[in-house]
């Protein structure tokens, strides 16, 4: 995660996300650098529109609001519908974060 945070820091500062700049960040904070991770991240980020990924992540709610408790008589009928809704919401969240998974290499 620290490599992604460093890349986002460079992005927000308007600096180029490259190996040299990432190494400078870790040197400044006194942290060890895994060169393979840095190279992988730089090559992956070149393929991603960071602005678009951030906008999608911000638009995505952190967690769906809890549904109100159904009446006991309706519980049997609504239970499958609620499970389907939860599955659909989870699938949508997974799809939204697939773009972010590319950042993790």
N, C-alpha and C. Protein backbone atom coordinates (compact mmCIF):
# COMPACT_ATOMS: atom_id res chain seq x y z
N UNK A 1 0.82 -1.19 0.00
CA UNK A 1 0.00 0.00 0.00
C UNK A 1 0.86 1.26 0.00
N UNK A 2 2.02 1.18 0.65
CA UNK A 2 2.84 2.39 0.75
C UNK A 2 3.28 2.87 -0.62
N UNK A 3 3.46 1.96 -1.56
CA UNK A 3 3.86 2.36 -2.91
C UNK A 3 2.74 3.10 -3.63
N UNK A 4 1.53 2.64 -3.41
CA UNK A 4 0.37 3.31 -4.02
C UNK A 4 0.18 4.69 -3.41
N UNK A 5 0.32 4.78 -2.08
CA UNK A 5 0.20 6.07 -1.43
C UNK A 5 1.25 7.04 -1.95
N UNK A 6 2.45 6.56 -2.13
CA UNK A 6 3.53 7.41 -2.65
C UNK A 6 3.20 7.87 -4.07
N UNK A 7 2.66 6.97 -4.89
CA UNK A 7 2.29 7.32 -6.26
C UNK A 7 1.17 8.36 -6.25
N UNK A 8 0.20 8.19 -5.37
CA UNK A 8 -0.89 9.17 -5.28
C UNK A 8 -0.38 10.52 -4.79
N UNK A 9 0.59 10.50 -3.90
CA UNK A 9 1.19 11.73 -3.42
C UNK A 9 1.87 12.47 -4.58
N UNK A 10 2.61 11.73 -5.39
CA UNK A 10 3.24 12.34 -6.57
C UNK A 10 2.19 12.87 -7.54
N UNK A 11 1.12 12.12 -7.74
CA UNK A 11 0.05 12.55 -8.64
C UNK A 11 -0.57 13.86 -8.15
N UNK A 12 -0.89 13.93 -6.87
CA UNK A 12 -1.49 15.14 -6.30
C UNK A 12 -0.55 16.33 -6.36
N UNK A 13 0.75 16.07 -6.28
CA UNK A 13 1.75 17.15 -6.35
C UNK A 13 2.04 17.56 -7.79
N UNK A 14 1.48 16.84 -8.74
CA UNK A 14 1.69 17.17 -10.14
C UNK A 14 3.04 16.70 -10.66
N UNK A 15 3.65 15.77 -9.95
CA UNK A 15 4.96 15.23 -10.34
C UNK A 15 4.77 13.95 -11.15
N UNK A 16 5.77 13.64 -11.95
CA UNK A 16 5.73 12.41 -12.74
C UNK A 16 5.91 11.21 -11.81
N UNK A 17 5.11 10.19 -12.06
CA UNK A 17 5.21 8.97 -11.26
C UNK A 17 6.23 8.07 -11.95
N UNK A 18 7.44 8.10 -11.44
CA UNK A 18 8.51 7.27 -12.00
C UNK A 18 9.34 6.70 -10.86
N UNK A 19 10.25 5.81 -11.20
CA UNK A 19 11.05 5.13 -10.17
C UNK A 19 11.88 6.11 -9.35
N UNK A 20 12.46 7.08 -10.03
CA UNK A 20 13.31 8.05 -9.34
C UNK A 20 12.52 8.83 -8.29
N UNK A 21 11.35 9.33 -8.65
CA UNK A 21 10.55 10.12 -7.71
C UNK A 21 10.02 9.27 -6.56
N UNK A 22 9.63 8.04 -6.86
CA UNK A 22 9.17 7.16 -5.79
C UNK A 22 10.31 6.85 -4.82
N UNK A 23 11.49 6.60 -5.36
CA UNK A 23 12.65 6.33 -4.50
C UNK A 23 12.98 7.53 -3.62
N UNK A 24 12.82 8.74 -4.17
CA UNK A 24 13.08 9.95 -3.38
C UNK A 24 12.13 10.04 -2.18
N UNK A 25 10.88 9.68 -2.39
CA UNK A 25 9.91 9.73 -1.30
C UNK A 25 10.33 8.78 -0.18
N UNK A 26 10.66 7.56 -0.54
CA UNK A 26 11.03 6.57 0.48
C UNK A 26 12.36 6.91 1.15
N UNK A 27 13.26 7.49 0.40
CA UNK A 27 14.53 7.92 0.99
C UNK A 27 14.27 9.04 2.00
N UNK A 28 13.36 9.96 1.65
CA UNK A 28 13.06 11.09 2.52
C UNK A 28 12.45 10.64 3.85
N UNK A 29 11.69 9.56 3.83
CA UNK A 29 11.08 9.09 5.08
C UNK A 29 11.90 8.00 5.74
N UNK A 30 13.03 7.64 5.11
CA UNK A 30 13.91 6.64 5.72
C UNK A 30 13.38 5.23 5.64
N UNK A 31 12.61 4.93 4.61
CA UNK A 31 12.04 3.58 4.45
C UNK A 31 12.78 2.82 3.36
N UNK A 32 12.83 1.51 3.51
CA UNK A 32 13.46 0.65 2.51
C UNK A 32 12.56 0.55 1.28
N UNK A 33 13.18 0.38 0.12
CA UNK A 33 12.44 0.31 -1.13
C UNK A 33 12.66 -1.06 -1.77
N UNK A 34 11.57 -1.66 -2.19
CA UNK A 34 11.61 -2.89 -2.95
C UNK A 34 11.57 -2.47 -4.43
N UNK A 35 12.71 -2.54 -5.09
CA UNK A 35 12.82 -2.06 -6.47
C UNK A 35 11.85 -2.78 -7.41
N UNK A 36 11.62 -4.05 -7.19
CA UNK A 36 10.69 -4.80 -8.03
C UNK A 36 9.27 -4.24 -7.89
N UNK A 37 8.88 -3.91 -6.68
CA UNK A 37 7.55 -3.33 -6.45
C UNK A 37 7.43 -1.98 -7.14
N UNK A 38 8.48 -1.17 -7.03
CA UNK A 38 8.47 0.16 -7.64
C UNK A 38 8.34 0.04 -9.15
N UNK A 39 9.14 -0.83 -9.77
CA UNK A 39 9.08 -1.01 -11.22
C UNK A 39 7.71 -1.50 -11.66
N UNK A 40 7.17 -2.44 -10.92
CA UNK A 40 5.85 -2.99 -11.25
C UNK A 40 4.78 -1.90 -11.15
N UNK A 41 4.85 -1.12 -10.10
CA UNK A 41 3.86 -0.06 -9.92
C UNK A 41 3.95 0.98 -11.03
N UNK A 42 5.15 1.40 -11.36
CA UNK A 42 5.33 2.42 -12.40
C UNK A 42 4.80 1.91 -13.74
N UNK A 43 5.11 0.68 -14.09
CA UNK A 43 4.63 0.14 -15.37
C UNK A 43 3.11 -0.02 -15.37
N UNK A 44 2.54 -0.36 -14.25
CA UNK A 44 1.09 -0.53 -14.17
C UNK A 44 0.37 0.81 -14.21
N UNK A 45 0.91 1.79 -13.52
CA UNK A 45 0.25 3.10 -13.45
C UNK A 45 0.24 3.80 -14.80
N UNK A 46 1.22 3.51 -15.63
CA UNK A 46 1.24 4.13 -16.96
C UNK A 46 0.01 3.74 -17.78
N UNK A 47 -0.61 2.62 -17.45
CA UNK A 47 -1.76 2.11 -18.18
C UNK A 47 -3.09 2.60 -17.60
N UNK A 48 -3.03 3.35 -16.50
CA UNK A 48 -4.25 3.72 -15.77
C UNK A 48 -4.45 5.23 -15.79
N UNK A 49 -5.70 5.63 -15.94
CA UNK A 49 -6.06 7.04 -15.81
C UNK A 49 -6.40 7.26 -14.33
N UNK A 50 -5.46 7.79 -13.59
CA UNK A 50 -5.61 7.93 -12.14
C UNK A 50 -6.79 8.83 -11.80
N UNK A 51 -6.96 9.90 -12.53
CA UNK A 51 -8.06 10.83 -12.26
C UNK A 51 -9.40 10.10 -12.34
N UNK A 52 -9.57 9.28 -13.35
CA UNK A 52 -10.81 8.53 -13.54
C UNK A 52 -11.03 7.53 -12.40
N UNK A 53 -9.98 6.84 -11.99
CA UNK A 53 -10.09 5.87 -10.91
C UNK A 53 -10.48 6.56 -9.61
N UNK A 54 -9.89 7.71 -9.33
CA UNK A 54 -10.21 8.45 -8.11
C UNK A 54 -11.65 8.92 -8.14
N UNK A 55 -12.10 9.43 -9.28
CA UNK A 55 -13.48 9.89 -9.39
C UNK A 55 -14.47 8.75 -9.16
N UNK A 56 -14.17 7.58 -9.71
CA UNK A 56 -15.06 6.43 -9.51
C UNK A 56 -15.06 5.99 -8.05
N UNK A 57 -13.91 6.03 -7.43
CA UNK A 57 -13.80 5.61 -6.03
C UNK A 57 -14.55 6.58 -5.12
N UNK A 58 -14.51 7.86 -5.41
CA UNK A 58 -15.20 8.85 -4.60
C UNK A 58 -16.71 8.73 -4.80
N UNK A 59 -17.13 8.43 -6.00
CA UNK A 59 -18.56 8.29 -6.29
C UNK A 59 -19.15 7.03 -5.68
N UNK A 60 -18.31 6.06 -5.38
CA UNK A 60 -18.76 4.79 -4.82
C UNK A 60 -18.98 4.93 -3.32
N UNK A 61 -20.18 4.62 -2.82
CA UNK A 61 -20.39 4.70 -1.37
C UNK A 61 -19.56 3.63 -0.66
N UNK A 62 -19.14 3.94 0.53
CA UNK A 62 -18.31 3.02 1.30
C UNK A 62 -19.06 1.74 1.64
N UNK A 63 -20.30 1.88 2.05
CA UNK A 63 -21.11 0.70 2.38
C UNK A 63 -22.57 1.05 2.13
N UNK A 64 -23.35 0.10 1.65
CA UNK A 64 -24.76 0.39 1.44
C UNK A 64 -25.47 0.60 2.77
N UNK A 65 -26.48 1.45 2.74
CA UNK A 65 -27.25 1.71 3.95
C UNK A 65 -28.02 0.46 4.34
N UNK A 66 -28.09 0.19 5.63
CA UNK A 66 -28.82 -1.01 6.06
C UNK A 66 -30.30 -0.89 5.74
N UNK A 67 -30.88 -1.98 5.30
CA UNK A 67 -32.30 -2.00 4.96
C UNK A 67 -33.12 -2.08 6.25
N UNK A 68 -34.30 -1.47 6.26
CA UNK A 68 -35.14 -1.58 7.45
C UNK A 68 -35.60 -3.01 7.65
N UNK A 69 -35.84 -3.37 8.88
CA UNK A 69 -36.27 -4.74 9.19
C UNK A 69 -37.66 -4.98 8.62
N UNK A 70 -37.85 -6.07 7.88
CA UNK A 70 -39.17 -6.37 7.31
C UNK A 70 -40.12 -6.88 8.38
N UNK A 71 -41.39 -6.77 8.08
CA UNK A 71 -42.40 -7.30 9.00
C UNK A 71 -42.27 -8.82 9.05
N UNK A 72 -42.57 -9.44 10.19
CA UNK A 72 -42.40 -10.90 10.32
C UNK A 72 -43.15 -11.71 9.27
N UNK A 73 -44.35 -11.32 8.87
CA UNK A 73 -45.12 -12.08 7.89
C UNK A 73 -44.46 -12.02 6.51
N UNK A 74 -43.83 -10.92 6.19
CA UNK A 74 -43.21 -10.75 4.89
C UNK A 74 -41.78 -11.29 4.85
N UNK A 75 -41.25 -11.67 5.96
CA UNK A 75 -39.85 -12.07 6.05
C UNK A 75 -39.51 -13.22 5.12
N UNK A 76 -40.37 -14.21 5.02
CA UNK A 76 -40.10 -15.38 4.18
C UNK A 76 -40.03 -15.00 2.70
N UNK A 77 -40.90 -14.11 2.25
CA UNK A 77 -40.93 -13.73 0.85
C UNK A 77 -39.80 -12.79 0.50
N UNK A 78 -39.45 -11.88 1.37
CA UNK A 78 -38.47 -10.86 1.06
C UNK A 78 -37.04 -11.33 1.26
N UNK A 79 -36.85 -12.36 1.98
CA UNK A 79 -35.48 -12.81 2.27
C UNK A 79 -34.70 -13.13 0.99
N UNK A 80 -35.25 -13.89 0.04
CA UNK A 80 -34.50 -14.15 -1.19
C UNK A 80 -34.22 -12.86 -1.98
N UNK A 81 -35.16 -11.94 -1.99
CA UNK A 81 -34.97 -10.69 -2.70
C UNK A 81 -33.83 -9.89 -2.08
N UNK A 82 -33.78 -9.85 -0.77
CA UNK A 82 -32.72 -9.11 -0.08
C UNK A 82 -31.36 -9.73 -0.36
N UNK A 83 -31.32 -11.05 -0.38
CA UNK A 83 -30.05 -11.74 -0.67
C UNK A 83 -29.59 -11.43 -2.08
N UNK A 84 -30.54 -11.39 -3.02
CA UNK A 84 -30.19 -11.06 -4.40
C UNK A 84 -29.68 -9.62 -4.50
N UNK A 85 -30.34 -8.70 -3.79
CA UNK A 85 -29.91 -7.30 -3.80
C UNK A 85 -28.50 -7.18 -3.23
N UNK A 86 -28.24 -7.86 -2.13
CA UNK A 86 -26.92 -7.80 -1.52
C UNK A 86 -25.86 -8.34 -2.46
N UNK A 87 -26.17 -9.45 -3.14
CA UNK A 87 -25.22 -10.03 -4.09
C UNK A 87 -24.95 -9.06 -5.24
N UNK A 88 -26.01 -8.43 -5.74
CA UNK A 88 -25.85 -7.47 -6.84
C UNK A 88 -25.00 -6.28 -6.41
N UNK A 89 -25.25 -5.79 -5.19
CA UNK A 89 -24.48 -4.66 -4.69
C UNK A 89 -23.01 -5.04 -4.51
N UNK A 90 -22.76 -6.24 -4.02
CA UNK A 90 -21.38 -6.70 -3.85
C UNK A 90 -20.68 -6.84 -5.20
N UNK A 91 -21.41 -7.33 -6.20
CA UNK A 91 -20.83 -7.47 -7.53
C UNK A 91 -20.51 -6.10 -8.12
N UNK A 92 -21.38 -5.12 -7.91
CA UNK A 92 -21.13 -3.77 -8.40
C UNK A 92 -19.90 -3.17 -7.73
N UNK A 93 -19.76 -3.39 -6.44
CA UNK A 93 -18.59 -2.89 -5.72
C UNK A 93 -17.32 -3.54 -6.23
N UNK A 94 -17.39 -4.84 -6.48
CA UNK A 94 -16.22 -5.56 -6.99
C UNK A 94 -15.82 -5.04 -8.37
N UNK A 95 -16.80 -4.77 -9.21
CA UNK A 95 -16.51 -4.25 -10.55
C UNK A 95 -15.87 -2.87 -10.47
N UNK A 96 -16.36 -2.05 -9.55
CA UNK A 96 -15.81 -0.69 -9.41
C UNK A 96 -14.38 -0.72 -8.94
N UNK A 97 -14.05 -1.70 -8.12
CA UNK A 97 -12.69 -1.77 -7.57
C UNK A 97 -11.74 -2.58 -8.43
N UNK A 98 -12.24 -3.19 -9.52
CA UNK A 98 -11.35 -3.93 -10.40
C UNK A 98 -10.30 -3.02 -11.01
N UNK A 99 -10.68 -1.81 -11.34
CA UNK A 99 -9.71 -0.86 -11.87
C UNK A 99 -8.64 -0.54 -10.86
N UNK A 100 -9.00 -0.50 -9.60
CA UNK A 100 -8.02 -0.22 -8.56
C UNK A 100 -7.09 -1.39 -8.33
N UNK A 101 -7.57 -2.61 -8.59
CA UNK A 101 -6.72 -3.77 -8.36
C UNK A 101 -5.49 -3.74 -9.27
N UNK A 102 -5.61 -3.08 -10.40
CA UNK A 102 -4.45 -2.99 -11.28
C UNK A 102 -3.32 -2.20 -10.64
N UNK A 103 -3.66 -1.33 -9.73
CA UNK A 103 -2.63 -0.54 -9.04
C UNK A 103 -1.81 -1.40 -8.10
N UNK A 104 -2.35 -2.53 -7.66
CA UNK A 104 -1.66 -3.36 -6.69
C UNK A 104 -0.69 -4.34 -7.35
N UNK A 105 -0.70 -4.40 -8.64
CA UNK A 105 0.28 -5.23 -9.36
C UNK A 105 0.01 -6.66 -9.37
